Amino acid sequence: MIRLGAIAALLAMAAGLALAGCHASATGGERELVIGTEGLYPPWNFTRADGQLAGYEPDYLRVLCARVHRRCRMVAMDWDGMVGALQTGKIDLIADAVQVTAERASVLWFTRPYAVTTGVIATLRDGPMATMADTGALMDFDHKGPALDAAIGRLRGSLAGKVIGVQMAGTFDNFLNQSIGSGAKTGVTLRYYRTMGERDLDLLNGRIDATLEDESYLRPLTQTRDGAALVLTGPRMIGGSMGRGEALAFRPGDKALHDAFDGAIASTLADGTARRLGLKWFRMDATPK
């Protein structure tokens, strides 16, 4: 996901999921690794009715933990407390669709990305924003220049006077404030949500005009019965404060563990495992190109 939580020290306690398949290949003398995730961000990670974690990252971590020969357990916790839990040693790494950004890299060590996805706008199919300018075009905020400036201007025009729902303290919240602006200056109103479900319900019921979210989350949503009322519109956005790819996050200085998982990710990119899981959960190939 694509989110940046406050660096807090309090850990939100939640139920854990042992990663089946890791135990058989783990070395007996090493302790179990604890992996933080949110369990509320389908299809990356979510909590099933039986309390078990499922999704791309639980599946992917089973593979990675087996390849680094460690026992692993994923625990669900609030995003706002995840970085603090990592820094205080309550978890060993974060696997929560964490986008690599310069701001985050100042406090976290990232592996190479295991996926690269774009941000996109979703709105009601029959609403006034359904046919925004530059729909489908790639808008890369790492490539500054007149073309990007013009595209930002068109995006601001499309969002003016609209209410956009975003997750609180998330990547897209930061992006909209930094790159587009909100309030009286631009006419863009941001409405904040703690969970995706609350935001999606408001979007489907017309209480907000649109949301800016990761395509890997929104595309499967539009293929559900309720989500069929939505359409993806506007440019596909990447780079800048949105980051450029999802990676595992470690404590700075935890080199051995970081390098082991980084090598395991490389092997899954080389042998097609990451691509296969992306097609299963995202319905698209999200591997870095």
Protein backbone atom coordinates (compact mmCIF):
# COMPACT_ATOMS: atom_id res chain seq x y z
CA MET A 1 0.00 0.00 0.00
CA ILE A 2 0.95 2.52 -0.51
CA ARG A 3 1.10 4.52 2.89
CA LEU A 4 3.34 6.42 5.35
CA GLY A 5 2.27 6.15 8.98
CA ALA A 6 3.45 8.25 11.92
CA ILE A 7 6.61 6.91 13.53
CA ALA A 8 5.02 5.85 16.80
CA ALA A 9 6.33 3.63 19.56
CA LEU A 10 3.06 1.99 20.60
CA LEU A 11 2.34 -1.43 19.14
CA ALA A 12 -1.24 -2.38 18.40
CA MET A 13 -1.54 -6.00 19.48
CA ALA A 14 -3.36 -8.36 17.12
CA ALA A 15 -3.69 -11.99 16.14
CA GLY A 16 -0.78 -13.62 14.34
CA LEU A 17 -0.55 -16.10 11.52
CA ALA A 18 2.21 -18.69 11.34
CA LEU A 19 3.45 -18.93 7.79
CA ALA A 20 2.93 -22.52 6.77
CA GLY A 21 5.80 -23.86 4.74
CA CYS A 22 8.46 -21.83 6.54
CA HIS A 23 8.79 -24.18 9.48
CA ALA A 24 9.93 -27.26 7.62
CA SER A 25 12.89 -25.50 6.05
CA ALA A 26 13.86 -23.34 9.04
CA THR A 27 17.06 -23.95 10.94
CA GLY A 28 16.24 -25.16 14.41
CA GLY A 29 18.50 -22.84 16.40
CA GLU A 30 17.25 -19.49 15.12
CA ARG A 31 14.31 -17.68 16.64
CA GLU A 32 11.07 -17.05 14.81
CA LEU A 33 10.88 -13.85 12.77
CA VAL A 34 7.86 -11.61 13.37
CA ILE A 35 6.56 -9.75 10.34
CA GLY A 36 4.20 -6.77 10.68
CA THR A 37 1.35 -6.23 8.26
CA GLU A 38 -2.01 -4.49 8.40
CA GLY A 39 -4.37 -7.24 7.34
CA LEU A 40 -6.74 -4.61 5.91
CA TYR A 41 -5.36 -3.89 2.44
CA PRO A 42 -6.66 -6.41 -0.10
CA PRO A 43 -5.35 -7.92 -2.26
CA TRP A 44 -1.93 -7.27 -0.66
CA ASN A 45 -3.03 -8.52 2.76
CA PHE A 46 -6.38 -9.01 4.47
CA THR A 47 -7.97 -10.91 7.33
CA ARG A 48 -10.37 -13.72 6.45
CA ALA A 49 -13.55 -14.47 8.39
CA ASP A 50 -11.69 -17.20 10.29
CA GLY A 51 -9.09 -14.68 11.49
CA GLN A 52 -6.31 -15.92 9.20
CA LEU A 53 -4.24 -13.52 7.07
CA ALA A 54 -4.41 -13.99 3.32
CA GLY A 55 -3.40 -12.16 0.15
CA TYR A 56 -0.33 -11.51 -1.95
CA GLU A 57 2.07 -10.78 0.89
CA PRO A 58 1.16 -13.72 3.16
CA ASP A 59 1.59 -15.98 0.11
CA TYR A 60 4.81 -14.26 -0.91
CA LEU A 61 6.32 -14.33 2.58
CA ARG A 62 5.79 -18.08 2.76
CA VAL A 63 8.08 -18.38 -0.24
CA LEU A 64 10.65 -15.86 0.99
CA CYS A 65 10.88 -17.32 4.50
CA ALA A 66 11.42 -20.79 3.08
CA ARG A 67 14.21 -19.49 0.87
CA VAL A 68 16.02 -17.76 3.74
CA HIS A 69 15.47 -20.84 5.95
CA ARG A 70 13.71 -19.00 8.78
CA ARG A 71 10.50 -19.60 10.70
CA CYS A 72 8.17 -16.62 10.26
CA ARG A 73 4.94 -15.35 11.78
CA MET A 74 2.89 -12.48 10.40
CA VAL A 75 1.01 -10.30 12.87
CA ALA A 76 -1.72 -7.79 12.03
CA MET A 77 -1.40 -4.33 13.55
CA ASP A 78 -2.41 -0.74 12.93
CA TRP A 79 -0.33 0.96 10.28
CA ASP A 80 0.29 3.94 12.54
CA GLY A 81 2.21 1.78 15.00
CA MET A 82 4.12 -0.39 12.57
CA VAL A 83 7.31 1.64 12.18
CA GLY A 84 7.51 2.16 15.94
CA ALA A 85 7.10 -1.58 16.48
CA LEU A 86 9.95 -2.24 14.07
CA GLN A 87 12.25 0.30 15.68
CA THR A 88 11.64 -1.06 19.18
CA GLY A 89 12.23 -4.66 18.11
CA LYS A 90 8.67 -5.91 18.54
CA ILE A 91 8.68 -6.98 14.89
CA ASP A 92 11.61 -7.83 12.61
CA LEU A 93 10.36 -6.48 9.29
CA ILE A 94 7.33 -4.88 7.62
CA ALA A 95 5.48 -6.40 4.68
CA ASP A 96 2.54 -4.09 3.96
CA ALA A 97 2.76 -2.84 0.37
CA VAL A 98 5.22 -0.22 1.63
CA GLN A 99 6.22 2.17 -1.15
CA VAL A 100 9.89 3.15 -1.23
CA THR A 101 10.18 6.93 -0.81
CA ALA A 102 13.08 9.19 0.16
CA GLU A 103 11.28 10.15 3.38
CA ARG A 104 10.83 6.55 4.44
CA ALA A 105 14.36 5.59 3.40
CA SER A 106 15.65 8.05 6.00
CA VAL A 107 14.34 5.80 8.81
CA LEU A 108 14.03 2.36 7.18
CA TRP A 109 16.19 -0.04 5.16
CA PHE A 110 14.40 -1.32 2.07
CA THR A 111 15.00 -4.39 -0.04
CA ARG A 112 14.77 -4.16 -3.78
CA PRO A 113 11.11 -3.74 -4.83
CA TYR A 114 9.14 -6.93 -5.36
CA ALA A 115 6.35 -5.03 -7.12
CA VAL A 116 5.90 -1.69 -8.89
CA THR A 117 2.39 -0.26 -9.09
CA THR A 118 0.82 3.08 -9.92
CA GLY A 119 -1.66 5.38 -8.22
CA VAL A 120 -4.94 6.02 -9.98
CA ILE A 121 -8.25 7.77 -9.30
CA ALA A 122 -11.53 5.89 -8.85
CA THR A 123 -14.94 7.51 -9.07
CA LEU A 124 -18.54 6.51 -9.74
CA ARG A 125 -18.99 5.27 -13.28
CA ASP A 126 -21.88 7.66 -13.91
CA GLY A 127 -20.29 10.61 -12.07
CA PRO A 128 -18.83 13.87 -13.43
CA MET A 129 -15.22 12.71 -12.95
CA ALA A 130 -15.58 9.50 -14.98
CA THR A 131 -13.88 10.98 -18.05
CA MET A 132 -10.92 12.91 -16.66
CA ALA A 133 -8.13 14.29 -18.84
CA ASP A 134 -5.13 12.01 -19.50
CA THR A 135 -7.01 8.84 -18.56
CA GLY A 136 -4.62 5.88 -18.85
CA ALA A 137 -1.52 8.00 -19.48
CA LEU A 138 1.53 7.48 -17.25
CA MET A 139 2.41 10.54 -15.15
CA ASP A 140 5.95 10.14 -13.76
CA PHE A 141 6.82 12.60 -11.00
CA ASP A 142 10.50 11.65 -11.19
CA HIS A 143 10.72 13.25 -14.66
CA LYS A 144 10.40 16.98 -14.11
CA GLY A 145 9.76 19.36 -16.97
CA PRO A 146 7.12 21.25 -18.96
CA ALA A 147 5.15 18.11 -19.85
CA LEU A 148 4.79 17.12 -16.20
CA ASP A 149 3.90 20.69 -15.20
CA ALA A 150 1.15 20.76 -17.83
CA ALA A 151 -0.20 17.39 -16.69
CA ILE A 152 -0.25 18.57 -13.05
CA GLY A 153 -2.22 21.62 -14.17
CA ARG A 154 -4.80 19.45 -15.91
CA LEU A 155 -5.04 17.19 -12.84
CA ARG A 156 -5.58 20.17 -10.55
CA GLY A 157 -8.34 21.37 -12.87
CA SER A 158 -10.08 17.98 -12.74
CA LEU A 159 -9.91 17.85 -8.92
CA ALA A 160 -10.93 21.46 -8.28
CA GLY A 161 -14.13 21.69 -6.27
CA LYS A 162 -14.10 17.97 -5.51
CA VAL A 163 -13.90 15.97 -2.27
CA ILE A 164 -11.19 13.30 -2.46
CA GLY A 165 -11.06 10.51 0.11
CA VAL A 166 -7.64 9.28 1.24
CA GLN A 167 -6.24 7.12 4.00
CA MET A 168 -4.94 9.18 6.91
CA ALA A 169 -1.15 9.76 6.87
CA GLY A 170 -0.82 7.74 3.69
CA THR A 171 1.31 8.07 0.59
CA PHE A 172 -1.52 9.56 -1.43
CA ASP A 173 -2.40 11.99 1.33
CA ASN A 174 1.21 13.25 1.22
CA PHE A 175 1.21 13.35 -2.58
CA LEU A 176 -1.98 15.36 -2.88
CA ASN A 177 -0.84 17.88 -0.29
CA GLN A 178 2.67 18.25 -1.74
CA SER A 179 2.05 18.02 -5.49
CA ILE A 180 -1.55 19.17 -5.97
CA GLY A 181 -2.43 21.14 -2.85
CA SER A 182 -5.73 21.33 -1.02
CA GLY A 183 -7.94 23.92 0.58
CA ALA A 184 -8.98 27.34 -0.68
CA LYS A 185 -5.90 27.68 -2.91
CA THR A 186 -6.83 24.78 -5.19
CA GLY A 187 -10.45 24.06 -4.30
CA VAL A 188 -9.56 20.43 -3.52
CA THR A 189 -10.98 19.05 -0.25
CA LEU A 190 -9.36 15.99 1.30
CA ARG A 191 -11.41 13.74 3.55
CA TYR A 192 -9.42 11.37 5.74
CA TYR A 193 -10.18 7.76 6.66
CA ARG A 194 -8.56 5.28 9.01
CA THR A 195 -9.60 2.27 6.91
CA MET A 196 -10.06 1.53 3.23
CA GLY A 197 -13.50 0.03 3.85
CA GLU A 198 -14.89 3.23 5.36
CA ARG A 199 -13.57 5.26 2.46
CA ASP A 200 -14.86 2.84 -0.17
CA LEU A 201 -18.33 2.85 1.37
CA ASP A 202 -18.45 6.65 1.23
CA LEU A 203 -17.26 6.59 -2.38
CA LEU A 204 -19.90 4.05 -3.44
CA ASN A 205 -22.61 6.08 -1.69
CA GLY A 206 -21.56 9.38 -3.27
CA ARG A 207 -20.39 11.02 -0.04
CA ILE A 208 -17.03 11.76 -1.67
CA ASP A 209 -16.32 12.41 -5.34
CA ALA A 210 -13.30 10.17 -5.80
CA THR A 211 -10.32 8.51 -4.19
CA LEU A 212 -6.66 8.29 -5.16
CA GLU A 213 -5.32 4.83 -4.41
CA ASP A 214 -3.04 2.11 -5.73
CA GLU A 215 -4.18 0.49 -8.96
CA SER A 216 -3.45 -2.96 -7.53
CA TYR A 217 -6.12 -2.30 -4.87
CA LEU A 218 -8.66 -0.54 -7.07
CA ARG A 219 -8.60 -2.78 -10.14
CA PRO A 220 -9.77 -5.92 -8.30
CA LEU A 221 -12.31 -3.79 -6.42
CA THR A 222 -13.93 -2.67 -9.69
CA GLN A 223 -14.43 -6.33 -10.60
CA THR A 224 -16.57 -7.06 -7.54
CA ARG A 225 -20.36 -6.76 -7.50
CA ASP A 226 -20.40 -3.48 -5.56
CA GLY A 227 -17.19 -2.15 -7.08
CA ALA A 228 -18.58 -2.48 -10.61
CA ALA A 229 -20.20 0.91 -9.98
CA LEU A 230 -16.70 2.45 -10.03
CA VAL A 231 -14.40 3.33 -12.89
CA LEU A 232 -10.67 4.12 -12.96
CA THR A 233 -10.02 7.54 -14.44
CA GLY A 234 -7.26 10.08 -14.93
CA PRO A 235 -3.52 9.40 -15.28
CA ARG A 236 -1.63 6.49 -13.76
CA MET A 237 0.84 8.13 -11.36
CA ILE A 238 4.24 7.05 -10.07
CA GLY A 239 7.38 8.55 -8.55
CA GLY A 240 7.96 11.57 -6.38
CA SER A 241 6.31 11.37 -2.97
CA MET A 242 4.35 8.32 -4.15
CA GLY A 243 7.51 6.28 -4.41
CA ARG A 244 8.56 3.76 -6.99
CA GLY A 245 7.80 0.23 -5.95
CA GLU A 246 6.81 -1.84 -2.92
CA ALA A 247 9.54 -3.45 -0.79
CA LEU A 248 10.17 -5.05 2.60
CA ALA A 249 11.28 -2.65 5.34
CA PHE A 250 13.92 -3.41 8.00
CA ARG A 251 15.61 -1.61 10.87
CA PRO A 252 18.68 0.31 9.66
CA GLY A 253 21.78 -1.75 10.37
CA ASP A 254 20.01 -5.14 10.28
CA LYS A 255 22.24 -6.08 7.35
CA ALA A 256 22.28 -9.87 7.50
CA LEU A 257 18.51 -10.20 7.61
CA HIS A 258 18.00 -7.47 5.01
CA ASP A 259 20.51 -9.05 2.60
CA ALA A 260 19.03 -12.53 3.00
CA PHE A 261 15.53 -11.36 2.07
CA ASP A 262 16.85 -9.11 -0.70
CA GLY A 263 18.53 -12.14 -2.28
CA ALA A 264 15.37 -14.21 -1.90
CA ILE A 265 13.33 -11.48 -3.62
CA ALA A 266 15.83 -11.46 -6.49
CA SER A 267 15.36 -15.21 -6.93
CA THR A 268 11.55 -14.88 -7.07
CA LEU A 269 11.84 -12.18 -9.73
CA ALA A 270 14.21 -14.37 -11.75
CA ASP A 271 12.17 -17.58 -11.62
CA GLY A 272 8.73 -16.00 -12.14
CA THR A 273 7.32 -16.63 -8.67
CA ALA A 274 6.61 -12.95 -8.00
CA ARG A 275 4.96 -12.58 -11.41
CA ARG A 276 2.76 -15.64 -10.83
CA LEU A 277 1.55 -14.33 -7.47
CA GLY A 278 0.90 -10.89 -8.96
CA LEU A 279 -1.29 -12.38 -11.66
CA LYS A 280 -3.16 -14.38 -9.03
CA TRP A 281 -3.86 -11.52 -6.62
CA PHE A 282 -3.62 -8.29 -8.67
CA ARG A 283 -4.83 -9.69 -12.01
CA MET A 284 -1.80 -8.05 -13.59
CA ASP A 285 1.96 -8.48 -13.73
CA ALA A 286 3.29 -6.07 -11.10
CA THR A 287 6.94 -7.13 -11.14
CA PRO A 288 9.59 -4.42 -11.63
CA LYS A 289 10.54 -3.92 -15.27
